[in-house]
Amino acid sequence: MSSATKIDNQDVLIHFDDNPFEAVTPYQEDFEDQVHEAQEQLQELRQKQEAVERQKIELEDLHRKKDDFMKGRTEVSDKLSRCITALDREAVEAQKKADLYLDTKESFEHQLKIVQALRPEVWSRSESVNCEMS
């Protein structure tokens, strides 16, 4: 359907479609839907923010634990190295003492054989007197 109107010696043509008219401004329920959707998006974003903050806290905790572990590992390594060095020195000293004890034992065994080899019953009287004097 169309109609023509004359204004100031100009023809104006107005054309109407057969399609129903749609309002340019949304209805009230469209606003409510948009508000509701925005609130849902906001809630979703808050939940994501909370999840990110929890993850941040977990990562910071893991970082702190890693630092603690690294410091502890360094301390234990240093202490073990010092102990190994001290044990090496003690082992050398212990070996020296063991060698000295072995030498002393061998000397005592030699002296024992000498003492056990003495046979006073076969000595002459003059040997007995000389032994007693010395």
N, C-alpha and C. Protein backbone atom coordinates (compact mmCIF):
# COMPACT_ATOMS: atom_id res chain seq x y z
N MET A 1 0.82 -1.17 0.00
CA MET A 1 0.00 0.00 0.00
C MET A 1 0.86 1.22 0.00
N SER A 2 0.58 2.15 -0.84
CA SER A 2 1.35 3.37 -0.85
C SER A 2 0.42 4.53 -1.09
N SER A 3 0.89 5.67 -0.73
CA SER A 3 0.07 6.86 -0.98
C SER A 3 1.01 8.00 -1.26
N ALA A 4 0.57 8.96 -1.99
CA ALA A 4 1.38 10.11 -2.37
C ALA A 4 0.72 11.36 -1.83
N THR A 5 1.52 12.25 -1.33
CA THR A 5 1.03 13.52 -0.81
C THR A 5 1.85 14.62 -1.43
N LYS A 6 1.18 15.76 -1.72
CA LYS A 6 1.88 16.88 -2.34
C LYS A 6 2.14 17.93 -1.29
N ILE A 7 3.41 18.29 -1.13
CA ILE A 7 3.78 19.33 -0.17
C ILE A 7 4.63 20.32 -0.93
N ASP A 8 4.22 21.58 -0.87
CA ASP A 8 4.96 22.68 -1.50
C ASP A 8 5.43 22.32 -2.91
N ASN A 9 4.58 21.94 -3.68
CA ASN A 9 4.83 21.59 -5.07
C ASN A 9 5.82 20.42 -5.22
N GLN A 10 5.98 19.62 -4.23
CA GLN A 10 6.83 18.44 -4.33
C GLN A 10 5.99 17.22 -3.98
N ASP A 11 6.21 16.19 -4.70
CA ASP A 11 5.50 14.95 -4.40
C ASP A 11 6.30 14.17 -3.35
N VAL A 12 5.62 13.71 -2.36
CA VAL A 12 6.25 12.88 -1.33
C VAL A 12 5.58 11.52 -1.41
N LEU A 13 6.38 10.57 -1.52
CA LEU A 13 5.86 9.23 -1.65
C LEU A 13 6.09 8.50 -0.33
N ILE A 14 5.05 8.00 0.26
CA ILE A 14 5.14 7.24 1.52
C ILE A 14 4.77 5.81 1.18
N HIS A 15 5.60 4.93 1.58
CA HIS A 15 5.37 3.53 1.27
C HIS A 15 5.27 2.76 2.57
N PHE A 16 4.26 1.94 2.74
CA PHE A 16 4.06 1.13 3.93
C PHE A 16 4.22 -0.33 3.56
N ASP A 17 5.02 -1.07 4.38
CA ASP A 17 5.18 -2.50 4.16
C ASP A 17 4.02 -3.24 4.80
N ASP A 18 3.79 -4.42 4.31
CA ASP A 18 2.74 -5.25 4.88
C ASP A 18 3.24 -5.97 6.14
N ASN A 19 4.56 -5.93 6.42
CA ASN A 19 5.12 -6.56 7.61
C ASN A 19 4.70 -5.79 8.84
N PRO A 20 4.55 -6.53 9.95
CA PRO A 20 4.15 -5.83 11.18
C PRO A 20 5.26 -4.90 11.66
N PHE A 21 4.87 -3.89 12.37
CA PHE A 21 5.78 -2.87 12.88
C PHE A 21 6.50 -3.39 14.12
N GLU A 22 7.84 -3.20 14.19
CA GLU A 22 8.62 -3.59 15.35
C GLU A 22 9.11 -2.33 16.02
N ALA A 23 8.95 -2.29 17.35
CA ALA A 23 9.35 -1.11 18.10
C ALA A 23 10.86 -1.00 18.11
N VAL A 24 11.35 0.23 18.02
CA VAL A 24 12.78 0.48 18.04
C VAL A 24 13.32 0.32 19.46
N THR A 25 12.56 0.75 20.45
CA THR A 25 12.99 0.61 21.84
C THR A 25 12.48 -0.71 22.38
N PRO A 26 13.32 -1.44 23.15
CA PRO A 26 12.90 -2.73 23.68
C PRO A 26 11.80 -2.57 24.73
N TYR A 27 11.05 -3.62 24.89
CA TYR A 27 10.00 -3.63 25.89
C TYR A 27 10.63 -3.75 27.27
N GLN A 28 9.84 -3.55 28.30
CA GLN A 28 10.29 -3.60 29.69
C GLN A 28 10.88 -4.98 30.01
N GLU A 29 10.27 -6.05 29.53
CA GLU A 29 10.78 -7.38 29.83
C GLU A 29 12.13 -7.62 29.17
N ASP A 30 12.39 -6.96 28.04
CA ASP A 30 13.71 -7.07 27.42
C ASP A 30 14.77 -6.45 28.33
N PHE A 31 14.44 -5.33 28.98
CA PHE A 31 15.37 -4.70 29.93
C PHE A 31 15.63 -5.64 31.10
N GLU A 32 14.58 -6.25 31.60
CA GLU A 32 14.74 -7.17 32.74
C GLU A 32 15.59 -8.37 32.34
N ASP A 33 15.38 -8.86 31.14
CA ASP A 33 16.20 -9.97 30.66
C ASP A 33 17.67 -9.56 30.56
N GLN A 34 17.91 -8.36 30.06
CA GLN A 34 19.28 -7.87 29.94
C GLN A 34 19.92 -7.68 31.31
N VAL A 35 19.14 -7.15 32.25
CA VAL A 35 19.65 -6.96 33.61
C VAL A 35 19.97 -8.32 34.23
N HIS A 36 19.06 -9.28 34.06
CA HIS A 36 19.27 -10.62 34.60
C HIS A 36 20.50 -11.27 33.97
N GLU A 37 20.66 -11.14 32.68
CA GLU A 37 21.82 -11.69 31.98
C GLU A 37 23.10 -11.03 32.46
N ALA A 38 23.07 -9.73 32.64
CA ALA A 38 24.24 -9.01 33.14
C ALA A 38 24.60 -9.46 34.55
N GLN A 39 23.60 -9.70 35.40
CA GLN A 39 23.85 -10.17 36.76
C GLN A 39 24.46 -11.57 36.72
N GLU A 40 23.97 -12.42 35.83
CA GLU A 40 24.54 -13.76 35.70
C GLU A 40 25.99 -13.69 35.24
N GLN A 41 26.26 -12.83 34.28
CA GLN A 41 27.64 -12.66 33.80
C GLN A 41 28.54 -12.14 34.91
N LEU A 42 28.00 -11.20 35.69
CA LEU A 42 28.76 -10.64 36.81
C LEU A 42 29.05 -11.74 37.84
N GLN A 43 28.07 -12.58 38.14
CA GLN A 43 28.27 -13.67 39.09
C GLN A 43 29.31 -14.66 38.55
N GLU A 44 29.24 -14.95 37.27
CA GLU A 44 30.21 -15.84 36.63
C GLU A 44 31.62 -15.26 36.74
N LEU A 45 31.72 -13.97 36.48
CA LEU A 45 33.04 -13.31 36.57
C LEU A 45 33.57 -13.32 38.00
N ARG A 46 32.68 -13.13 38.97
CA ARG A 46 33.11 -13.18 40.38
C ARG A 46 33.62 -14.57 40.74
N GLN A 47 32.90 -15.59 40.25
CA GLN A 47 33.35 -16.96 40.53
C GLN A 47 34.69 -17.24 39.88
N LYS A 48 34.88 -16.75 38.66
CA LYS A 48 36.17 -16.92 37.99
C LYS A 48 37.27 -16.17 38.74
N GLN A 49 36.93 -14.97 39.23
CA GLN A 49 37.91 -14.19 39.99
C GLN A 49 38.30 -14.93 41.26
N GLU A 50 37.32 -15.51 41.95
CA GLU A 50 37.61 -16.26 43.17
C GLU A 50 38.49 -17.47 42.85
N ALA A 51 38.19 -18.15 41.75
CA ALA A 51 39.00 -19.30 41.35
C ALA A 51 40.43 -18.87 41.04
N VAL A 52 40.58 -17.75 40.35
CA VAL A 52 41.93 -17.25 40.02
C VAL A 52 42.66 -16.85 41.31
N GLU A 53 41.96 -16.25 42.25
CA GLU A 53 42.60 -15.86 43.52
C GLU A 53 43.02 -17.09 44.31
N ARG A 54 42.17 -18.15 44.31
CA ARG A 54 42.55 -19.39 44.99
C ARG A 54 43.78 -20.00 44.33
N GLN A 55 43.79 -19.99 43.01
CA GLN A 55 44.93 -20.53 42.28
C GLN A 55 46.19 -19.71 42.58
N LYS A 56 46.04 -18.40 42.68
CA LYS A 56 47.18 -17.54 43.00
C LYS A 56 47.74 -17.89 44.38
N ILE A 57 46.84 -18.08 45.35
CA ILE A 57 47.27 -18.44 46.70
C ILE A 57 47.98 -19.79 46.69
N GLU A 58 47.42 -20.76 45.94
CA GLU A 58 48.05 -22.07 45.85
C GLU A 58 49.44 -21.97 45.22
N LEU A 59 49.55 -21.17 44.17
CA LEU A 59 50.85 -21.02 43.51
C LEU A 59 51.86 -20.33 44.43
N GLU A 60 51.41 -19.33 45.16
CA GLU A 60 52.31 -18.67 46.11
C GLU A 60 52.75 -19.64 47.18
N ASP A 61 51.81 -20.49 47.65
CA ASP A 61 52.14 -21.48 48.67
C ASP A 61 53.15 -22.49 48.11
N LEU A 62 52.93 -22.95 46.89
CA LEU A 62 53.87 -23.87 46.26
C LEU A 62 55.25 -23.24 46.09
N HIS A 63 55.27 -21.96 45.72
CA HIS A 63 56.54 -21.25 45.56
C HIS A 63 57.27 -21.15 46.90
N ARG A 64 56.52 -20.85 47.95
CA ARG A 64 57.12 -20.76 49.28
C ARG A 64 57.66 -22.12 49.71
N LYS A 65 56.87 -23.18 49.46
CA LYS A 65 57.32 -24.52 49.82
C LYS A 65 58.57 -24.92 49.03
N LYS A 66 58.61 -24.54 47.76
CA LYS A 66 59.79 -24.84 46.94
C LYS A 66 61.01 -24.12 47.50
N ASP A 67 60.83 -22.83 47.87
CA ASP A 67 61.95 -22.08 48.45
C ASP A 67 62.42 -22.73 49.74
N ASP A 68 61.45 -23.12 50.60
CA ASP A 68 61.82 -23.79 51.85
C ASP A 68 62.57 -25.08 51.58
N PHE A 69 62.09 -25.84 50.60
CA PHE A 69 62.76 -27.10 50.26
C PHE A 69 64.19 -26.83 49.78
N MET A 70 64.34 -25.85 48.91
CA MET A 70 65.67 -25.56 48.36
C MET A 70 66.62 -25.12 49.47
N LYS A 71 66.13 -24.27 50.39
CA LYS A 71 66.98 -23.84 51.51
C LYS A 71 67.34 -25.03 52.38
N GLY A 72 66.36 -25.87 52.68
CA GLY A 72 66.60 -27.05 53.51
C GLY A 72 67.58 -28.01 52.86
N ARG A 73 67.41 -28.20 51.54
CA ARG A 73 68.32 -29.09 50.82
C ARG A 73 69.74 -28.54 50.86
N THR A 74 69.90 -27.24 50.70
CA THR A 74 71.23 -26.63 50.76
C THR A 74 71.84 -26.82 52.14
N GLU A 75 71.03 -26.58 53.19
CA GLU A 75 71.53 -26.75 54.56
C GLU A 75 71.96 -28.19 54.82
N VAL A 76 71.12 -29.14 54.41
CA VAL A 76 71.44 -30.56 54.63
C VAL A 76 72.69 -30.94 53.85
N SER A 77 72.80 -30.48 52.61
CA SER A 77 73.98 -30.77 51.80
C SER A 77 75.24 -30.23 52.45
N ASP A 78 75.17 -28.98 52.96
CA ASP A 78 76.34 -28.38 53.62
C ASP A 78 76.72 -29.18 54.87
N LYS A 79 75.72 -29.54 55.67
CA LYS A 79 76.01 -30.29 56.91
C LYS A 79 76.59 -31.66 56.58
N LEU A 80 76.01 -32.33 55.58
CA LEU A 80 76.54 -33.65 55.20
C LEU A 80 77.97 -33.54 54.69
N SER A 81 78.27 -32.51 53.91
CA SER A 81 79.63 -32.32 53.41
C SER A 81 80.61 -32.11 54.56
N ARG A 82 80.21 -31.28 55.54
CA ARG A 82 81.08 -31.05 56.70
C ARG A 82 81.27 -32.34 57.50
N CYS A 83 80.21 -33.11 57.66
CA CYS A 83 80.32 -34.37 58.40
C CYS A 83 81.21 -35.37 57.67
N ILE A 84 81.09 -35.43 56.36
CA ILE A 84 81.94 -36.35 55.59
C ILE A 84 83.41 -35.96 55.74
N THR A 85 83.69 -34.67 55.69
CA THR A 85 85.06 -34.20 55.87
C THR A 85 85.57 -34.57 57.26
N ALA A 86 84.73 -34.35 58.29
CA ALA A 86 85.13 -34.69 59.66
C ALA A 86 85.34 -36.20 59.79
N LEU A 87 84.47 -36.99 59.18
CA LEU A 87 84.62 -38.44 59.25
C LEU A 87 85.88 -38.91 58.53
N ASP A 88 86.21 -38.26 57.43
CA ASP A 88 87.46 -38.60 56.73
C ASP A 88 88.66 -38.37 57.66
N ARG A 89 88.66 -37.22 58.33
CA ARG A 89 89.77 -36.93 59.27
C ARG A 89 89.79 -37.95 60.41
N GLU A 90 88.61 -38.26 60.95
CA GLU A 90 88.54 -39.22 62.04
C GLU A 90 88.98 -40.61 61.58
N ALA A 91 88.63 -40.98 60.33
CA ALA A 91 89.04 -42.28 59.80
C ALA A 91 90.56 -42.36 59.68
N VAL A 92 91.19 -41.27 59.24
CA VAL A 92 92.66 -41.24 59.14
C VAL A 92 93.27 -41.39 60.53
N GLU A 93 92.72 -40.64 61.49
CA GLU A 93 93.24 -40.73 62.87
C GLU A 93 93.00 -42.13 63.45
N ALA A 94 91.83 -42.68 63.17
CA ALA A 94 91.52 -44.02 63.68
C ALA A 94 92.46 -45.05 63.05
N GLN A 95 92.78 -44.89 61.76
CA GLN A 95 93.70 -45.82 61.11
C GLN A 95 95.09 -45.72 61.72
N LYS A 96 95.51 -44.47 62.03
CA LYS A 96 96.81 -44.29 62.69
C LYS A 96 96.82 -44.98 64.04
N LYS A 97 95.73 -44.81 64.79
CA LYS A 97 95.66 -45.47 66.11
C LYS A 97 95.63 -46.97 65.95
N ALA A 98 94.86 -47.46 64.97
CA ALA A 98 94.79 -48.90 64.75
C ALA A 98 96.17 -49.46 64.39
N ASP A 99 96.91 -48.74 63.55
CA ASP A 99 98.26 -49.17 63.19
C ASP A 99 99.16 -49.18 64.42
N LEU A 100 99.05 -48.15 65.25
CA LEU A 100 99.84 -48.08 66.48
C LEU A 100 99.48 -49.23 67.42
N TYR A 101 98.15 -49.50 67.57
CA TYR A 101 97.71 -50.60 68.43
C TYR A 101 98.23 -51.94 67.90
N LEU A 102 98.19 -52.10 66.56
CA LEU A 102 98.67 -53.34 65.97
C LEU A 102 100.17 -53.50 66.21
N ASP A 103 100.91 -52.41 66.01
CA ASP A 103 102.35 -52.47 66.26
C ASP A 103 102.63 -52.80 67.73
N THR A 104 101.88 -52.16 68.63
CA THR A 104 102.07 -52.40 70.07
C THR A 104 101.73 -53.85 70.41
N LYS A 105 100.64 -54.37 69.84
CA LYS A 105 100.23 -55.77 70.08
C LYS A 105 101.31 -56.73 69.59
N GLU A 106 101.83 -56.46 68.40
CA GLU A 106 102.89 -57.33 67.86
C GLU A 106 104.13 -57.28 68.74
N SER A 107 104.42 -56.08 69.24
CA SER A 107 105.58 -55.94 70.15
C SER A 107 105.34 -56.73 71.43
N PHE A 108 104.11 -56.61 71.99
CA PHE A 108 103.79 -57.35 73.21
C PHE A 108 103.84 -58.86 72.97
N GLU A 109 103.34 -59.32 71.81
CA GLU A 109 103.39 -60.75 71.49
C GLU A 109 104.85 -61.22 71.42
N HIS A 110 105.71 -60.41 70.83
CA HIS A 110 107.13 -60.74 70.75
C HIS A 110 107.74 -60.82 72.16
N GLN A 111 107.42 -59.82 72.99
CA GLN A 111 107.94 -59.82 74.36
C GLN A 111 107.41 -61.03 75.14
N LEU A 112 106.12 -61.39 74.89
CA LEU A 112 105.53 -62.55 75.57
C LEU A 112 106.28 -63.83 75.18
N LYS A 113 106.60 -63.96 73.93
CA LYS A 113 107.34 -65.15 73.49
C LYS A 113 108.71 -65.21 74.17
N ILE A 114 109.34 -64.05 74.29
CA ILE A 114 110.64 -64.01 74.96
C ILE A 114 110.50 -64.43 76.42
N VAL A 115 109.49 -63.89 77.10
CA VAL A 115 109.29 -64.21 78.52
C VAL A 115 108.94 -65.69 78.67
N GLN A 116 108.07 -66.20 77.78
CA GLN A 116 107.69 -67.61 77.88
C GLN A 116 108.85 -68.55 77.52
N ALA A 117 109.77 -68.04 76.75
CA ALA A 117 110.92 -68.87 76.36
C ALA A 117 111.96 -68.97 77.49
N LEU A 118 111.85 -68.13 78.47
CA LEU A 118 112.80 -68.18 79.59
C LEU A 118 112.56 -69.47 80.39
N ARG A 119 113.64 -70.18 80.67
CA ARG A 119 113.57 -71.43 81.44
C ARG A 119 114.55 -71.33 82.63
N PRO A 120 114.03 -70.80 83.71
CA PRO A 120 114.95 -70.62 84.85
C PRO A 120 115.48 -71.95 85.42
N GLU A 121 114.76 -73.01 85.19
CA GLU A 121 115.20 -74.30 85.74
C GLU A 121 116.49 -74.80 85.06
N VAL A 122 116.78 -74.29 83.90
CA VAL A 122 118.00 -74.74 83.22
C VAL A 122 119.16 -73.77 83.42
N TRP A 123 118.88 -72.71 84.12
CA TRP A 123 119.96 -71.76 84.35
C TRP A 123 120.92 -72.29 85.40
N SER A 124 122.13 -71.85 85.26
CA SER A 124 123.10 -72.18 86.29
C SER A 124 122.99 -71.16 87.42
N ARG A 125 123.58 -71.45 88.51
CA ARG A 125 123.48 -70.58 89.67
C ARG A 125 124.08 -69.23 89.37
N SER A 126 125.11 -69.14 88.65
CA SER A 126 125.74 -67.86 88.34
C SER A 126 124.84 -67.02 87.42
N GLU A 127 124.09 -67.67 86.54
CA GLU A 127 123.17 -66.94 85.67
C GLU A 127 122.01 -66.39 86.48
N SER A 128 121.56 -67.14 87.48
CA SER A 128 120.44 -66.70 88.32
C SER A 128 120.80 -65.45 89.09
N VAL A 129 122.04 -65.41 89.61
CA VAL A 129 122.46 -64.25 90.36
C VAL A 129 122.59 -63.05 89.44
N ASN A 130 123.10 -63.24 88.26
CA ASN A 130 123.23 -62.12 87.31
C ASN A 130 121.86 -61.60 86.88
N CYS A 131 120.91 -62.48 86.70
CA CYS A 131 119.55 -62.04 86.32
C CYS A 131 118.90 -61.27 87.44
N GLU A 132 119.10 -61.69 88.66
CA GLU A 132 118.48 -61.01 89.78
C GLU A 132 119.06 -59.62 89.96
N MET A 133 120.28 -59.41 89.60
CA MET A 133 120.93 -58.13 89.78
C MET A 133 120.55 -57.14 88.68
N SER A 134 120.18 -57.64 87.59
CA SER A 134 119.90 -56.72 86.52
C SER A 134 118.50 -56.24 86.52
